[in-house]
Every structure is written in C-alpha cells, then in structure tokens.
Amino acid sequence: MEKTTLTTVPDEDFLRLDYQICFTLHAASRAFNSVYRTVLKDLRLTYPQYLVMLVLWEHGELPVKQIGEHLRLDSGTLSPLLKRLEAAGYVERRRSPDDERSVTARPTAAGTELREKALGVPRRIAAATGMPLERIRELRADLEALTATLDGAGLDTPDCGTEDD
C-alpha cells in the first residue's frame, strides 16, 4: 500500500473538515474549556484566570511581561485577567519603583489559599480525558513539538514534504 504524503493527497481532500488538524485541536480545546468550566466553578475562576494563577503559584512574584511569556498572551489580554484576579483578592499588582512601565504581580494570601483548593483540579481533568497518564504525557509532548514547529514556520513556507499519518 502506498504511503500517504502531502503530494499524494488530492488538493480537494485538503478542503475537507476532517483533514484539518487545526479544527480537531480547536474542538479538543473547546471540550477542555467545557470540562474546566465545570471543575473550576467552585474556585470561581475562569480557565484563563486559572492559568495565570498556575504561573504565579509556580514562580511567585513576576513581571507581567514574564507571565505573558509563560502563557503566550499579550498585555492587552493579560491585563484584564490580572485586574479581575486583583478585584477578587487573589493577586496583587505593583509598579516597579525603578521603572513605572514595569508591573509585577504576585499571589495574595487569599490567592495562596486558593492553591490548596485547586490541588485536585489536574487529577479531575486527567480523569476526564479517559487516558492513562503516560498517554497524556506523550500527547502533551507531541503538541509541544507541533507548537515549536509552527512557531518556526514562516507564513510563506512552501510544501515541506511532511508525511500524513
């Protein structure tokens, strides 16, 4: 049987929805968001707010710019998230005395207490996938590799000859 590659698949087939990896990832992301919405309901956090808190719990006080780098978010998206977390009492933001343009964020005592309540979230999400932990790790590694590849790809990249599975 002939191996399927980018050059052997008819152009028309590439316009089928079931050929779109981006759509499959989008659908999976929406499904995850739905599960997270349910799991995070008791914490009164949205999924993006939870991600911010994960970074702060892991790293402590950080410049907002570094939080954005960890989460791949620009300041226009991150600032409203931090404002809502600050209003909820979970985060404190401070301007640097050395550079007024630089703002840091850190978890408050309430934000640190919230971490204890969030300890069960990852296990609940992992269980919801129905996958063994090793498969979750493999999938995560595959997605990280895909992200790195896409980050390195130019928009004007010609066919790269990658084979379809």
Protein backbone atom coordinates (compact mmCIF):
# COMPACT_ATOMS: atom_id res chain seq x y z
CA MET A 1 0.00 0.00 0.00
CA GLU A 2 1.33 3.44 -0.96
CA LYS A 3 2.17 5.79 1.88
CA THR A 4 0.05 8.94 2.01
CA THR A 5 2.05 12.17 1.77
CA LEU A 6 1.30 15.84 1.15
CA THR A 7 2.00 15.31 -2.53
CA THR A 8 -0.19 12.22 -2.96
CA VAL A 9 -3.39 13.63 -1.42
CA PRO A 10 -5.64 15.41 -3.95
CA ASP A 11 -5.97 19.16 -3.33
CA GLU A 12 -9.75 18.78 -2.95
CA ASP A 13 -9.29 16.42 0.00
CA PHE A 14 -7.38 19.08 1.91
CA LEU A 15 -10.51 21.23 1.93
CA ARG A 16 -12.42 18.60 3.88
CA LEU A 17 -13.07 19.43 7.51
CA ASP A 18 -11.80 16.02 8.66
CA TYR A 19 -8.38 16.84 7.17
CA GLN A 20 -8.00 19.99 9.30
CA ILE A 21 -5.77 19.33 12.30
CA CYS A 22 -6.44 22.89 13.43
CA PHE A 23 -10.15 22.13 13.65
CA THR A 24 -9.52 18.96 15.64
CA LEU A 25 -7.31 20.92 18.06
CA HIS A 26 -9.94 23.66 18.25
CA ALA A 27 -12.68 21.14 19.04
CA ALA A 28 -10.49 19.49 21.71
CA SER A 29 -9.74 22.91 23.19
CA ARG A 30 -13.44 23.74 23.39
CA ALA A 31 -14.12 20.37 25.03
CA PHE A 32 -11.36 21.05 27.57
CA ASN A 33 -12.78 24.51 28.26
CA SER A 34 -16.16 22.96 29.00
CA VAL A 35 -14.65 20.48 31.46
CA TYR A 36 -12.53 23.19 33.08
CA ARG A 37 -15.59 25.45 33.41
CA THR A 38 -17.27 22.74 35.48
CA VAL A 39 -14.20 21.84 37.54
CA LEU A 40 -13.22 25.47 38.22
CA LYS A 41 -16.75 26.58 39.11
CA ASP A 42 -16.19 26.04 42.85
CA LEU A 43 -12.96 28.06 42.70
CA ARG A 44 -14.76 30.91 40.91
CA LEU A 45 -12.03 31.04 38.29
CA THR A 46 -12.18 31.01 34.54
CA TYR A 47 -9.73 28.83 32.67
CA PRO A 48 -7.51 31.81 31.66
CA GLN A 49 -7.53 33.04 35.28
CA TYR A 50 -6.56 29.55 36.44
CA LEU A 51 -3.60 29.59 34.03
CA VAL A 52 -2.42 32.92 35.46
CA MET A 53 -2.68 31.53 38.96
CA LEU A 54 -0.74 28.40 37.95
CA VAL A 55 2.14 30.60 36.78
CA LEU A 56 2.07 32.69 39.95
CA TRP A 57 1.84 29.65 42.24
CA GLU A 58 4.82 28.13 40.46
CA HIS A 59 7.01 31.22 40.17
CA GLY A 60 5.79 33.66 42.82
CA GLU A 61 6.08 37.36 42.03
CA LEU A 62 6.78 38.01 38.37
CA PRO A 63 6.79 40.92 35.97
CA VAL A 64 3.56 40.93 33.98
CA LYS A 65 5.63 40.62 30.81
CA GLN A 66 7.07 37.28 32.02
CA ILE A 67 3.61 35.99 32.93
CA GLY A 68 2.56 36.81 29.37
CA GLU A 69 5.59 34.94 28.00
CA HIS A 70 4.76 31.85 30.05
CA LEU A 71 1.14 31.92 28.85
CA ARG A 72 1.75 33.19 25.33
CA LEU A 73 -0.57 36.13 26.00
CA ASP A 74 -0.10 39.78 25.12
CA SER A 75 -0.56 42.51 27.70
CA GLY A 76 -3.91 43.53 26.19
CA THR A 77 -5.30 40.11 27.08
CA LEU A 78 -3.38 39.61 30.32
CA SER A 79 -4.08 42.98 31.96
CA PRO A 80 -7.87 42.48 32.23
CA LEU A 81 -7.29 38.97 33.63
CA LEU A 82 -4.97 40.35 36.30
CA LYS A 83 -7.40 43.17 37.12
CA ARG A 84 -10.21 40.66 37.69
CA LEU A 85 -7.94 38.45 39.82
CA GLU A 86 -6.89 41.52 41.80
CA ALA A 87 -10.54 42.53 42.30
CA ALA A 88 -11.25 39.00 43.57
CA GLY A 89 -8.42 39.40 46.08
CA TYR A 90 -6.17 36.68 44.62
CA VAL A 91 -3.45 38.82 43.05
CA GLU A 92 -1.62 41.99 43.93
CA ARG A 93 -0.07 44.14 41.19
CA ARG A 94 2.69 46.66 41.82
CA ARG A 95 4.55 49.14 39.67
CA SER A 96 8.31 48.91 39.85
CA PRO A 97 9.83 51.86 41.71
CA ASP A 98 12.74 51.75 39.21
CA ASP A 99 10.62 51.65 36.05
CA GLU A 100 6.99 52.77 36.16
CA ARG A 101 6.29 50.90 32.93
CA SER A 102 7.11 47.60 34.63
CA VAL A 103 4.36 45.96 36.69
CA THR A 104 4.76 42.85 38.79
CA ALA A 105 2.07 40.51 40.06
CA ARG A 106 2.09 38.09 42.94
CA PRO A 107 -0.47 35.93 44.71
CA THR A 108 -2.02 37.38 47.85
CA ALA A 109 -2.65 35.31 50.97
CA ALA A 110 -6.12 34.51 49.56
CA GLY A 111 -4.51 33.55 46.25
CA THR A 112 -2.12 31.23 48.06
CA GLU A 113 -5.03 29.67 49.97
CA LEU A 114 -6.81 29.16 46.66
CA ARG A 115 -3.88 26.97 45.57
CA GLU A 116 -4.81 24.44 48.24
CA LYS A 117 -8.36 24.30 46.91
CA ALA A 118 -7.05 23.85 43.36
CA LEU A 119 -4.84 20.85 44.14
CA GLY A 120 -7.46 18.38 42.88
CA VAL A 121 -8.08 20.15 39.56
CA PRO A 122 -5.33 18.46 37.50
CA ARG A 123 -6.39 14.96 38.61
CA ARG A 124 -10.01 15.68 37.75
CA ILE A 125 -9.04 16.96 34.32
CA ALA A 126 -6.74 13.98 33.71
CA ALA A 127 -9.52 11.60 34.73
CA ALA A 128 -11.96 13.38 32.42
CA THR A 129 -9.70 12.63 29.42
CA GLY A 130 -10.09 8.89 29.98
CA MET A 131 -6.42 8.48 29.06
CA PRO A 132 -3.65 6.90 31.11
CA LEU A 133 -1.12 9.40 32.47
CA GLU A 134 1.62 8.16 30.13
CA ARG A 135 -0.56 8.82 27.07
CA ILE A 136 -1.37 12.32 28.38
CA ARG A 137 2.37 12.99 28.71
CA GLU A 138 3.02 11.70 25.18
CA LEU A 139 0.21 13.80 23.73
CA ARG A 140 1.49 16.88 25.57
CA ALA A 141 4.99 16.28 24.18
CA ASP A 142 3.58 15.86 20.66
CA LEU A 143 1.63 19.12 20.98
CA GLU A 144 4.67 20.97 22.35
CA ALA A 145 6.71 19.72 19.37
CA LEU A 146 3.94 20.80 16.98
CA THR A 147 3.82 24.23 18.60
CA ALA A 148 7.59 24.64 18.28
CA THR A 149 7.44 23.59 14.63
CA LEU A 150 4.62 26.00 13.86
CA ASP A 151 6.39 28.81 15.74
CA GLY A 152 9.38 28.25 13.49
CA ALA A 153 7.40 28.06 10.27
CA GLY A 154 7.09 31.12 8.07
CA LEU A 155 3.77 32.04 6.52
CA ASP A 156 5.30 31.80 3.07
CA THR A 157 6.76 28.32 3.64
CA PRO A 158 6.28 26.12 0.56
CA ASP A 159 5.22 22.47 0.83
CA CYS A 160 7.56 20.95 3.35
CA GLY A 161 7.10 17.34 2.25
CA THR A 162 5.90 16.18 5.67
CA GLU A 163 4.05 12.90 5.53
CA ASP A 164 0.50 12.44 6.69
CA ASP A 165 -0.15 9.67 9.21
